[in-house]
Amino acid sequence: MNFKFASLSYFKFSANLKLLKFTILVNSPVVSLTSAGYGDICPTTEISKIFTSFYLLFGVSIFFYRLFIIGEHVINKRMGRLEKMMQRKVKEENEESKNKI
């Protein structure tokens, strides 16, 4: 969603629409967000520079928030498995201690 918005916005704010190709529209947000900054494509108009600045601030924030959510999900899933494993071990040990008595 963020990527589509950026591509369409670069198209809208571009000074020369005839020179823009699909690959450039896709490449601009990727290069900007990954901080590669090759220098081959850069905003030329004032509005596109302002847009790019805000896009980078919000885009990076959204990216790291999504990464946090994915990480949280993976950790919670792993913790759930560990809790079940520990509960089984405790249950087995309780049964073994009852059998010894």
PDB file of N, CA and C in Angstrom:
ATOM      1  N   MET A   1       0.829  -1.187   0.000  1.00  0.00           N
ATOM      2  CA  MET A   1       0.000   0.000   0.000  1.00  0.00           C
ATOM      3  C   MET A   1       0.876   1.255   0.000  1.00  0.00           C
ATOM      4  N   ASN A   2       1.828   1.286   0.879  1.00  0.00           N
ATOM      5  CA  ASN A   2       2.735   2.419   0.972  1.00  0.00           C
ATOM      6  C   ASN A   2       3.528   2.561  -0.322  1.00  0.00           C
ATOM      7  N   PHE A   3       3.936   1.426  -0.885  1.00  0.00           N
ATOM      8  CA  PHE A   3       4.723   1.416  -2.107  1.00  0.00           C
ATOM      9  C   PHE A   3       3.902   1.938  -3.290  1.00  0.00           C
ATOM     10  N   LYS A   4       2.642   1.504  -3.391  1.00  0.00           N
ATOM     11  CA  LYS A   4       1.771   1.976  -4.479  1.00  0.00           C
ATOM     12  C   LYS A   4       1.544   3.480  -4.368  1.00  0.00           C
ATOM     13  N   PHE A   5       1.307   3.935  -3.156  1.00  0.00           N
ATOM     14  CA  PHE A   5       1.086   5.365  -2.931  1.00  0.00           C
ATOM     15  C   PHE A   5       2.292   6.174  -3.377  1.00  0.00           C
ATOM     16  N   ALA A   6       3.468   5.705  -3.025  1.00  0.00           N
ATOM     17  CA  ALA A   6       4.689   6.437  -3.386  1.00  0.00           C
ATOM     18  C   ALA A   6       4.894   6.464  -4.886  1.00  0.00           C
ATOM     19  N   SER A   7       4.676   5.340  -5.543  1.00  0.00           N
ATOM     20  CA  SER A   7       4.863   5.293  -6.993  1.00  0.00           C
ATOM     21  C   SER A   7       3.916   6.245  -7.704  1.00  0.00           C
ATOM     22  N   LEU A   8       2.662   6.226  -7.308  1.00  0.00           N
ATOM     23  CA  LEU A   8       1.683   7.117  -7.943  1.00  0.00           C
ATOM     24  C   LEU A   8       1.965   8.578  -7.620  1.00  0.00           C
ATOM     25  N   SER A   9       2.434   8.841  -6.424  1.00  0.00           N
ATOM     26  CA  SER A   9       2.743  10.221  -6.044  1.00  0.00           C
ATOM     27  C   SER A   9       3.954  10.748  -6.795  1.00  0.00           C
ATOM     28  N   TYR A  10       4.959   9.915  -6.995  1.00  0.00           N
ATOM     29  CA  TYR A  10       6.104  10.343  -7.799  1.00  0.00           C
ATOM     30  C   TYR A  10       5.646  10.687  -9.211  1.00  0.00           C
ATOM     31  N   PHE A  11       4.722   9.899  -9.730  1.00  0.00           N
ATOM     32  CA  PHE A  11       4.189  10.169 -11.068  1.00  0.00           C
ATOM     33  C   PHE A  11       3.450  11.501 -11.096  1.00  0.00           C
ATOM     34  N   LYS A  12       2.644  11.765 -10.073  1.00  0.00           N
ATOM     35  CA  LYS A  12       1.843  12.985 -10.034  1.00  0.00           C
ATOM     36  C   LYS A  12       2.709  14.232  -9.860  1.00  0.00           C
ATOM     37  N   PHE A  13       3.724  14.152  -9.005  1.00  0.00           N
ATOM     38  CA  PHE A  13       4.532  15.329  -8.699  1.00  0.00           C
ATOM     39  C   PHE A  13       5.714  15.528  -9.643  1.00  0.00           C
ATOM     40  N   SER A  14       5.853  14.651 -10.607  1.00  0.00           N
ATOM     41  CA  SER A  14       6.997  14.755 -11.510  1.00  0.00           C
ATOM     42  C   SER A  14       6.840  15.941 -12.449  1.00  0.00           C
ATOM     43  N   ALA A  15       7.966  16.554 -12.774  1.00  0.00           N
ATOM     44  CA  ALA A  15       7.953  17.719 -13.662  1.00  0.00           C
ATOM     45  C   ALA A  15       7.725  17.312 -15.109  1.00  0.00           C
ATOM     46  N   ASN A  16       8.301  16.218 -15.541  1.00  0.00           N
ATOM     47  CA  ASN A  16       8.196  15.807 -16.931  1.00  0.00           C
ATOM     48  C   ASN A  16       7.594  14.406 -16.993  1.00  0.00           C
ATOM     49  N   LEU A  17       6.283  14.335 -17.176  1.00  0.00           N
ATOM     50  CA  LEU A  17       5.576  13.061 -17.134  1.00  0.00           C
ATOM     51  C   LEU A  17       5.928  12.155 -18.302  1.00  0.00           C
ATOM     52  N   LYS A  18       6.319  12.715 -19.441  1.00  0.00           N
ATOM     53  CA  LYS A  18       6.599  11.889 -20.612  1.00  0.00           C
ATOM     54  C   LYS A  18       7.856  11.044 -20.428  1.00  0.00           C
ATOM     55  N   LEU A  19       8.772  11.484 -19.600  1.00  0.00           N
ATOM     56  CA  LEU A  19      10.018  10.747 -19.420  1.00  0.00           C
ATOM     57  C   LEU A  19       9.904   9.624 -18.397  1.00  0.00           C
ATOM     58  N   LEU A  20       8.855   9.666 -17.601  1.00  0.00           N
ATOM     59  CA  LEU A  20       8.718   8.645 -16.562  1.00  0.00           C
ATOM     60  C   LEU A  20       8.280   7.317 -17.152  1.00  0.00           C
ATOM     61  N   LYS A  21       8.947   6.279 -16.735  1.00  0.00           N
ATOM     62  CA  LYS A  21       8.588   4.930 -17.126  1.00  0.00           C
ATOM     63  C   LYS A  21       8.182   4.175 -15.868  1.00  0.00           C
ATOM     64  N   PHE A  22       7.547   3.053 -16.080  1.00  0.00           N
ATOM     65  CA  PHE A  22       7.097   2.248 -14.949  1.00  0.00           C
ATOM     66  C   PHE A  22       8.272   1.838 -14.064  1.00  0.00           C
ATOM     67  N   THR A  23       9.396   1.473 -14.670  1.00  0.00           N
ATOM     68  CA  THR A  23      10.548   1.039 -13.872  1.00  0.00           C
ATOM     69  C   THR A  23      11.059   2.156 -12.978  1.00  0.00           C
ATOM     70  N   ILE A  24      11.007   3.375 -13.458  1.00  0.00           N
ATOM     71  CA  ILE A  24      11.447   4.511 -12.646  1.00  0.00           C
ATOM     72  C   ILE A  24      10.478   4.731 -11.492  1.00  0.00           C
ATOM     73  N   LEU A  25       9.177   4.596 -11.777  1.00  0.00           N
ATOM     74  CA  LEU A  25       8.174   4.773 -10.721  1.00  0.00           C
ATOM     75  C   LEU A  25       8.336   3.732  -9.620  1.00  0.00           C
ATOM     76  N   VAL A  26       8.704   2.535  -9.995  1.00  0.00           N
ATOM     77  CA  VAL A  26       8.898   1.476  -9.012  1.00  0.00           C
ATOM     78  C   VAL A  26      10.248   1.637  -8.316  1.00  0.00           C
ATOM     79  N   ASN A  27      11.249   2.047  -9.070  1.00  0.00           N
ATOM     80  CA  ASN A  27      12.606   2.143  -8.539  1.00  0.00           C
ATOM     81  C   ASN A  27      12.763   3.283  -7.530  1.00  0.00           C
ATOM     82  N   SER A  28      12.118   4.400  -7.748  1.00  0.00           N
ATOM     83  CA  SER A  28      12.299   5.574  -6.879  1.00  0.00           C
ATOM     84  C   SER A  28      11.978   5.300  -5.414  1.00  0.00           C
ATOM     85  N   PRO A  29      10.800   4.760  -5.093  1.00  0.00           N
ATOM     86  CA  PRO A  29      10.519   4.490  -3.674  1.00  0.00           C
ATOM     87  C   PRO A  29      11.448   3.439  -3.068  1.00  0.00           C
ATOM     88  N   VAL A  30      11.803   2.434  -3.858  1.00  0.00           N
ATOM     89  CA  VAL A  30      12.672   1.377  -3.336  1.00  0.00           C
ATOM     90  C   VAL A  30      14.048   1.934  -3.001  1.00  0.00           C
ATOM     91  N   VAL A  31      14.613   2.698  -3.918  1.00  0.00           N
ATOM     92  CA  VAL A  31      15.943   3.277  -3.685  1.00  0.00           C
ATOM     93  C   VAL A  31      15.896   4.245  -2.512  1.00  0.00           C
ATOM     94  N   SER A  32      14.826   5.012  -2.414  1.00  0.00           N
ATOM     95  CA  SER A  32      14.712   5.976  -1.317  1.00  0.00           C
ATOM     96  C   SER A  32      14.578   5.286   0.033  1.00  0.00           C
ATOM     97  N   LEU A  33      13.688   4.296   0.113  1.00  0.00           N
ATOM     98  CA  LEU A  33      13.444   3.640   1.397  1.00  0.00           C
ATOM     99  C   LEU A  33      14.597   2.757   1.844  1.00  0.00           C
ATOM    100  N   THR A  34      15.324   2.190   0.908  1.00  0.00           N
ATOM    101  CA  THR A  34      16.445   1.339   1.299  1.00  0.00           C
ATOM    102  C   THR A  34      17.704   2.142   1.571  1.00  0.00           C
ATOM    103  N   SER A  35      17.625   3.423   1.385  1.00  0.00           N
ATOM    104  CA  SER A  35      18.753   4.338   1.614  1.00  0.00           C
ATOM    105  C   SER A  35      19.934   4.056   0.699  1.00  0.00           C
ATOM    106  N   ALA A  36      19.667   3.424  -0.445  1.00  0.00           N
ATOM    107  CA  ALA A  36      20.749   3.159  -1.392  1.00  0.00           C
ATOM    108  C   ALA A  36      21.222   4.475  -2.003  1.00  0.00           C
ATOM    109  N   GLY A  37      20.275   5.321  -2.400  1.00  0.00           N
ATOM    110  CA  GLY A  37      20.594   6.644  -2.908  1.00  0.00           C
ATOM    111  C   GLY A  37      21.597   6.646  -4.038  1.00  0.00           C
ATOM    112  N   TYR A  38      21.299   5.930  -5.108  1.00  0.00           N
ATOM    113  CA  TYR A  38      22.225   5.841  -6.232  1.00  0.00           C
ATOM    114  C   TYR A  38      22.472   7.185  -6.895  1.00  0.00           C
ATOM    115  N   GLY A  39      21.510   8.078  -6.837  1.00  0.00           N
ATOM    116  CA  GLY A  39      21.677   9.392  -7.442  1.00  0.00           C
ATOM    117  C   GLY A  39      21.212   9.466  -8.878  1.00  0.00           C
ATOM    118  N   ASP A  40      20.775   8.341  -9.432  1.00  0.00           N
ATOM    119  CA  ASP A  40      20.309   8.361 -10.812  1.00  0.00           C
ATOM    120  C   ASP A  40      18.917   8.961 -10.942  1.00  0.00           C
ATOM    121  N   ILE A  41      18.137   8.880  -9.891  1.00  0.00           N
ATOM    122  CA  ILE A  41      16.787   9.443  -9.887  1.00  0.00           C
ATOM    123  C   ILE A  41      16.662  10.294  -8.636  1.00  0.00           C
ATOM    124  N   CYS A  42      16.273  11.535  -8.810  1.00  0.00           N
ATOM    125  CA  CYS A  42      16.090  12.390  -7.643  1.00  0.00           C
ATOM    126  C   CYS A  42      14.977  13.390  -7.928  1.00  0.00           C
ATOM    127  N   PRO A  43      14.278  13.824  -6.890  1.00  0.00           N
ATOM    128  CA  PRO A  43      13.204  14.791  -7.074  1.00  0.00           C
ATOM    129  C   PRO A  43      13.770  16.124  -7.569  1.00  0.00           C
ATOM    130  N   THR A  44      13.052  16.731  -8.513  1.00  0.00           N
ATOM    131  CA  THR A  44      13.550  17.981  -9.096  1.00  0.00           C
ATOM    132  C   THR A  44      12.716  19.192  -8.713  1.00  0.00           C
ATOM    133  N   THR A  45      11.417  19.001  -8.524  1.00  0.00           N
ATOM    134  CA  THR A  45      10.564  20.135  -8.173  1.00  0.00           C
ATOM    135  C   THR A  45      10.480  20.265  -6.661  1.00  0.00           C
ATOM    136  N   GLU A  46      10.071  21.433  -6.203  1.00  0.00           N
ATOM    137  CA  GLU A  46       9.962  21.669  -4.757  1.00  0.00           C
ATOM    138  C   GLU A  46       8.944  20.736  -4.117  1.00  0.00           C
ATOM    139  N   ILE A  47       7.798  20.562  -4.782  1.00  0.00           N
ATOM    140  CA  ILE A  47       6.748  19.714  -4.205  1.00  0.00           C
ATOM    141  C   ILE A  47       7.208  18.260  -4.140  1.00  0.00           C
ATOM    142  N   SER A  48       7.961  17.806  -5.146  1.00  0.00           N
ATOM    143  CA  SER A  48       8.437  16.422  -5.108  1.00  0.00           C
ATOM    144  C   SER A  48       9.511  16.238  -4.035  1.00  0.00           C
ATOM    145  N   LYS A  49      10.310  17.258  -3.771  1.00  0.00           N
ATOM    146  CA  LYS A  49      11.304  17.179  -2.698  1.00  0.00           C
ATOM    147  C   LYS A  49      10.626  17.122  -1.334  1.00  0.00           C
ATOM    148  N   ILE A  50       9.590  17.931  -1.159  1.00  0.00           N
ATOM    149  CA  ILE A  50       8.835  17.921   0.105  1.00  0.00           C
ATOM    150  C   ILE A  50       8.148  16.575   0.288  1.00  0.00           C
ATOM    151  N   PHE A  51       7.513  16.090  -0.787  1.00  0.00           N
ATOM    152  CA  PHE A  51       6.844  14.790  -0.721  1.00  0.00           C
ATOM    153  C   PHE A  51       7.834  13.687  -0.358  1.00  0.00           C
ATOM    154  N   THR A  52       8.991  13.689  -1.002  1.00  0.00           N
ATOM    155  CA  THR A  52       9.997  12.657  -0.742  1.00  0.00           C
ATOM    156  C   THR A  52      10.460  12.696   0.705  1.00  0.00           C
ATOM    157  N   SER A  53      10.640  13.873   1.245  1.00  0.00           N
ATOM    158  CA  SER A  53      11.060  13.991   2.645  1.00  0.00           C
ATOM    159  C   SER A  53      10.033  13.370   3.582  1.00  0.00           C
ATOM    160  N   PHE A  54       8.763  13.724   3.390  1.00  0.00           N
ATOM    161  CA  PHE A  54       7.718  13.153   4.243  1.00  0.00           C
ATOM    162  C   PHE A  54       7.543  11.665   3.995  1.00  0.00           C
ATOM    163  N   TYR A  55       7.648  11.262   2.731  1.00  0.00           N
ATOM    164  CA  TYR A  55       7.504   9.845   2.400  1.00  0.00           C
ATOM    165  C   TYR A  55       8.585   9.018   3.091  1.00  0.00           C
ATOM    166  N   LEU A  56       9.800   9.516   3.087  1.00  0.00           N
ATOM    167  CA  LEU A  56      10.884   8.779   3.740  1.00  0.00           C
ATOM    168  C   LEU A  56      10.666   8.686   5.247  1.00  0.00           C
ATOM    169  N   LEU A  57      10.245   9.775   5.858  1.00  0.00           N
ATOM    170  CA  LEU A  57       9.992   9.742   7.303  1.00  0.00           C
ATOM    171  C   LEU A  57       8.900   8.741   7.655  1.00  0.00           C
ATOM    172  N   PHE A  58       7.778   8.840   6.956  1.00  0.00           N
ATOM    173  CA  PHE A  58       6.657   7.954   7.263  1.00  0.00           C
ATOM    174  C   PHE A  58       6.893   6.544   6.738  1.00  0.00           C
ATOM    175  N   GLY A  59       7.522   6.432   5.580  1.00  0.00           N
ATOM    176  CA  GLY A  59       7.777   5.115   4.999  1.00  0.00           C
ATOM    177  C   GLY A  59       8.693   4.268   5.857  1.00  0.00           C
ATOM    178  N   VAL A  60       9.749   4.857   6.351  1.00  0.00           N
ATOM    179  CA  VAL A  60      10.671   4.122   7.219  1.00  0.00           C
ATOM    180  C   VAL A  60       9.972   3.750   8.524  1.00  0.00           C
ATOM    181  N   SER A  61       9.180   4.663   9.062  1.00  0.00           N
ATOM    182  CA  SER A  61       8.438   4.371  10.298  1.00  0.00           C
ATOM    183  C   SER A  61       7.472   3.219  10.091  1.00  0.00           C
ATOM    184  N   ILE A  62       6.738   3.246   8.990  1.00  0.00           N
ATOM    185  CA  ILE A  62       5.780   2.175   8.702  1.00  0.00           C
ATOM    186  C   ILE A  62       6.509   0.850   8.493  1.00  0.00           C
ATOM    187  N   PHE A  63       7.638   0.883   7.795  1.00  0.00           N
ATOM    188  CA  PHE A  63       8.412  -0.335   7.560  1.00  0.00           C
ATOM    189  C   PHE A  63       8.847  -0.966   8.876  1.00  0.00           C
ATOM    190  N   PHE A  64       9.418  -0.166   9.765  1.00  0.00           N
ATOM    191  CA  PHE A  64       9.893  -0.721  11.028  1.00  0.00           C
ATOM    192  C   PHE A  64       8.741  -1.150  11.929  1.00  0.00           C
ATOM    193  N   TYR A  65       7.606  -0.470  11.855  1.00  0.00           N
ATOM    194  CA  TYR A  65       6.437  -0.901  12.623  1.00  0.00           C
ATOM    195  C   TYR A  65       5.971  -2.271  12.137  1.00  0.00           C
ATOM    196  N   ARG A  66       5.909  -2.450  10.818  1.00  0.00           N
ATOM    197  CA  ARG A  66       5.513  -3.755  10.271  1.00  0.00           C
ATOM    198  C   ARG A  66       6.515  -4.832  10.657  1.00  0.00           C
ATOM    199  N   LEU A  67       7.786  -4.499  10.607  1.00  0.00           N
ATOM    200  CA  LEU A  67       8.821  -5.447  11.004  1.00  0.00           C
ATOM    201  C   LEU A  67       8.660  -5.831  12.476  1.00  0.00           C
ATOM    202  N   PHE A  68       8.331  -4.865  13.327  1.00  0.00           N
ATOM    203  CA  PHE A  68       8.089  -5.123  14.743  1.00  0.00           C
ATOM    204  C   PHE A  68       6.900  -6.064  14.925  1.00  0.00           C
ATOM    205  N   ILE A  69       5.817  -5.829  14.193  1.00  0.00           N
ATOM    206  CA  ILE A  69       4.620  -6.669  14.302  1.00  0.00           C
ATOM    207  C   ILE A  69       4.938  -8.103  13.891  1.00  0.00           C
ATOM    208  N   ILE A  70       5.674  -8.268  12.802  1.00  0.00           N
ATOM    209  CA  ILE A  70       6.043  -9.612  12.355  1.00  0.00           C
ATOM    210  C   ILE A  70       6.921 -10.292  13.404  1.00  0.00           C
ATOM    211  N   GLY A  71       7.899  -9.570  13.922  1.00  0.00           N
ATOM    212  CA  GLY A  71       8.770 -10.128  14.953  1.00  0.00           C
ATOM    213  C   GLY A  71       8.006 -10.513  16.202  1.00  0.00           C
ATOM    214  N   GLU A  72       7.072  -9.667  16.597  1.00  0.00           N
ATOM    215  CA  GLU A  72       6.253  -9.953  17.776  1.00  0.00           C
ATOM    216  C   GLU A  72       5.434 -11.225  17.567  1.00  0.00           C
ATOM    217  N   HIS A  73       4.886 -11.388  16.377  1.00  0.00           N
ATOM    218  CA  HIS A  73       4.099 -12.583  16.063  1.00  0.00           C
ATOM    219  C   HIS A  73       4.970 -13.840  16.136  1.00  0.00           C
ATOM    220  N   VAL A  74       6.152 -13.775  15.557  1.00  0.00           N
ATOM    221  CA  VAL A  74       7.063 -14.924  15.572  1.00  0.00           C
ATOM    222  C   VAL A  74       7.463 -15.269  17.005  1.00  0.00           C
ATOM    223  N   ILE A  75       7.792 -14.272  17.792  1.00  0.00           N
ATOM    224  CA  ILE A  75       8.204 -14.513  19.180  1.00  0.00           C
ATOM    225  C   ILE A  75       7.051 -15.080  19.999  1.00  0.00           C
ATOM    226  N   ASN A  76       5.840 -14.525  19.833  1.00  0.00           N
ATOM    227  CA  ASN A  76       4.684 -15.037  20.577  1.00  0.00           C
ATOM    228  C   ASN A  76       4.386 -16.483  20.213  1.00  0.00           C
ATOM    229  N   LYS A  77       4.525 -16.818  18.937  1.00  0.00           N
ATOM    230  CA  LYS A  77       4.285 -18.190  18.503  1.00  0.00           C
ATOM    231  C   LYS A  77       5.311 -19.128  19.137  1.00  0.00           C
ATOM    232  N   ARG A  78       6.549 -18.717  19.135  1.00  0.00           N
ATOM    233  CA  ARG A  78       7.625 -19.522  19.735  1.00  0.00           C
ATOM    234  C   ARG A  78       7.418 -19.670  21.244  1.00  0.00           C
ATOM    235  N   MET A  79       7.035 -18.588  21.907  1.00  0.00           N
ATOM    236  CA  MET A  79       6.795 -18.640  23.353  1.00  0.00           C
ATOM    237  C   MET A  79       5.635 -19.576  23.672  1.00  0.00           C
ATOM    238  N   GLY A  80       4.597 -19.566  22.835  1.00  0.00           N
ATOM    239  CA  GLY A  80       3.471 -20.470  23.037  1.00  0.00           C
ATOM    240  C   GLY A  80       3.899 -21.924  22.973  1.00  0.00           C
ATOM    241  N   ARG A  81       4.756 -22.244  22.000  1.00  0.00           N
ATOM    242  CA  ARG A  81       5.268 -23.613  21.891  1.00  0.00           C
ATOM    243  C   ARG A  81       6.111 -23.988  23.103  1.00  0.00           C
ATOM    244  N   LEU A  82       6.943 -23.067  23.551  1.00  0.00           N
ATOM    245  CA  LEU A  82       7.781 -23.346  24.724  1.00  0.00           C
ATOM    246  C   LEU A  82       6.934 -23.550  25.976  1.00  0.00           C
ATOM    247  N   GLU A  83       5.877 -22.756  26.137  1.00  0.00           N
ATOM    248  CA  GLU A  83       4.994 -22.909  27.298  1.00  0.00           C
ATOM    249  C   GLU A  83       4.311 -24.269  27.288  1.00  0.00           C
ATOM    250  N   LYS A  84       3.835 -24.697  26.115  1.00  0.00           N
ATOM    251  CA  LYS A  84       3.190 -26.010  26.018  1.00  0.00           C
ATOM    252  C   LYS A  84       4.178 -27.125  26.350  1.00  0.00           C
ATOM    253  N   MET A  85       5.400 -26.985  25.857  1.00  0.00           N
ATOM    254  CA  MET A  85       6.417 -27.992  26.126  1.00  0.00           C
ATOM    255  C   MET A  85       6.731 -28.045  27.621  1.00  0.00           C
ATOM    256  N   MET A  86       6.835 -26.896  28.257  1.00  0.00           N
ATOM    257  CA  MET A  86       7.118 -26.859  29.695  1.00  0.00           C
ATOM    258  C   MET A  86       5.958 -27.446  30.488  1.00  0.00           C
ATOM    259  N   GLN A  87       4.727 -27.168  30.091  1.00  0.00           N
ATOM    260  CA  GLN A  87       3.564 -27.718  30.786  1.00  0.00           C
ATOM    261  C   GLN A  87       3.544 -29.244  30.682  1.00  0.00           C
ATOM    262  N   ARG A  88       3.900 -29.775  29.513  1.00  0.00           N
ATOM    263  CA  ARG A  88       3.961 -31.231  29.360  1.00  0.00           C
ATOM    264  C   ARG A  88       5.024 -31.838  30.268  1.00  0.00           C
ATOM    265  N   LYS A  89       6.186 -31.192  30.329  1.00  0.00           N
ATOM    266  CA  LYS A  89       7.266 -31.706  31.186  1.00  0.00           C
ATOM    267  C   LYS A  89       6.860 -31.682  32.655  1.00  0.00           C
ATOM    268  N   VAL A  90       6.217 -30.604  33.083  1.00  0.00           N
ATOM    269  CA  VAL A  90       5.760 -30.508  34.474  1.00  0.00           C
ATOM    270  C   VAL A  90       4.724 -31.591  34.751  1.00  0.00           C
ATOM    271  N   LYS A  91       3.822 -31.800  33.812  1.00  0.00           N
ATOM    272  CA  LYS A  91       2.792 -32.823  33.977  1.00  0.00           C
ATOM    273  C   LYS A  91       3.428 -34.214  34.056  1.00  0.00           C
ATOM    274  N   GLU A  92       4.410 -34.477  33.192  1.00  0.00           N
ATOM    275  CA  GLU A  92       5.104 -35.769  33.220  1.00  0.00           C
ATOM    276  C   GLU A  92       5.846 -35.968  34.542  1.00  0.00           C
ATOM    277  N   GLU A  93       6.508 -34.934  35.022  1.00  0.00           N
ATOM    278  CA  GLU A  93       7.240 -35.039  36.287  1.00  0.00           C
ATOM    279  C   GLU A  93       6.286 -35.254  37.457  1.00  0.00           C
ATOM    280  N   ASN A  94       5.127 -34.595  37.422  1.00  0.00           N
ATOM    281  CA  ASN A  94       4.129 -34.803  38.483  1.00  0.00           C
ATOM    282  C   ASN A  94       3.623 -36.238  38.476  1.00  0.00           C
ATOM    283  N   GLU A  95       3.395 -36.786  37.291  1.00  0.00           N
ATOM    284  CA  GLU A  95       2.924 -38.166  37.192  1.00  0.00           C
ATOM    285  C   GLU A  95       3.999 -39.140  37.671  1.00  0.00           C
ATOM    286  N   GLU A  96       5.264 -38.846  37.330  1.00  0.00           N
ATOM    287  CA  GLU A  96       6.363 -39.704  37.779  1.00  0.00           C
ATOM    288  C   GLU A  96       6.507 -39.664  39.296  1.00  0.00           C
ATOM    289  N   SER A  97       6.361 -38.488  39.880  1.00  0.00           N
ATOM    290  CA  SER A  97       6.489 -38.381  41.341  1.00  0.00           C
ATOM    291  C   SER A  97       5.330 -39.083  42.039  1.00  0.00           C
ATOM    292  N   LYS A  98       4.135 -39.069  41.450  1.00  0.00           N
ATOM    293  CA  LYS A  98       2.995 -39.788  42.036  1.00  0.00           C
ATOM    294  C   LYS A  98       3.219 -41.293  41.959  1.00  0.00           C
ATOM    295  N   ASN A  99       3.812 -41.750  40.868  1.00  0.00           N
ATOM    296  CA  ASN A  99       4.063 -43.183  40.700  1.00  0.00           C
ATOM    297  C   ASN A  99       5.131 -43.685  41.668  1.00  0.00           C
ATOM    298  N   LYS A 100       6.069 -42.835  42.062  1.00  0.00           N
ATOM    299  CA  LYS A 100       7.127 -43.231  42.994  1.00  0.00           C
ATOM    300  C   LYS A 100       6.597 -43.387  44.412  1.00  0.00           C
ATOM    301  N   ILE A 101       5.555 -42.679  44.756  1.00  0.00           N
ATOM    302  CA  ILE A 101       5.004 -42.704  46.113  1.00  0.00           C
ATOM    303  C   ILE A 101       4.110 -43.861  46.299  1.00  0.00           C
TER     304      ILE A 101
END
